[in-house]
Amino acid sequence: MTTLVKNQKIYDEFINFIAQGTSPESVTNFKFSEATKEQIDDLVERAKLGDLSPSENNELEQFLVVEHLIRLTKARAHQYLKSVS
């Protein structure tokens, strides 16, 4: 599987979640699939050992960007929930 396809899978997982319609509660509860978590855990462990190819390193960096956006989205949803309660 190429890095582009893997990165697309990571993006697609979150995009599909958003496209299905969300609420602040569902945003705060979003989690990646177990397969994606395992894939990322493997990359993180191998990165610690310095054992990533350039394409795998790019894949990990792209995931970290997506994860950062998700964290920001979750924080904003949490703030919204606090403001209306």
Foldseek 3Di string as FASTA:
>chain_A
DFLVVLLVVLVVQVVVVVVVPDALVVLLVDDDDPVNVVLLVVLVVCVVVVNDDPSSVVSNVSNVVVVVVSVVSNVVSVVVVVVVD
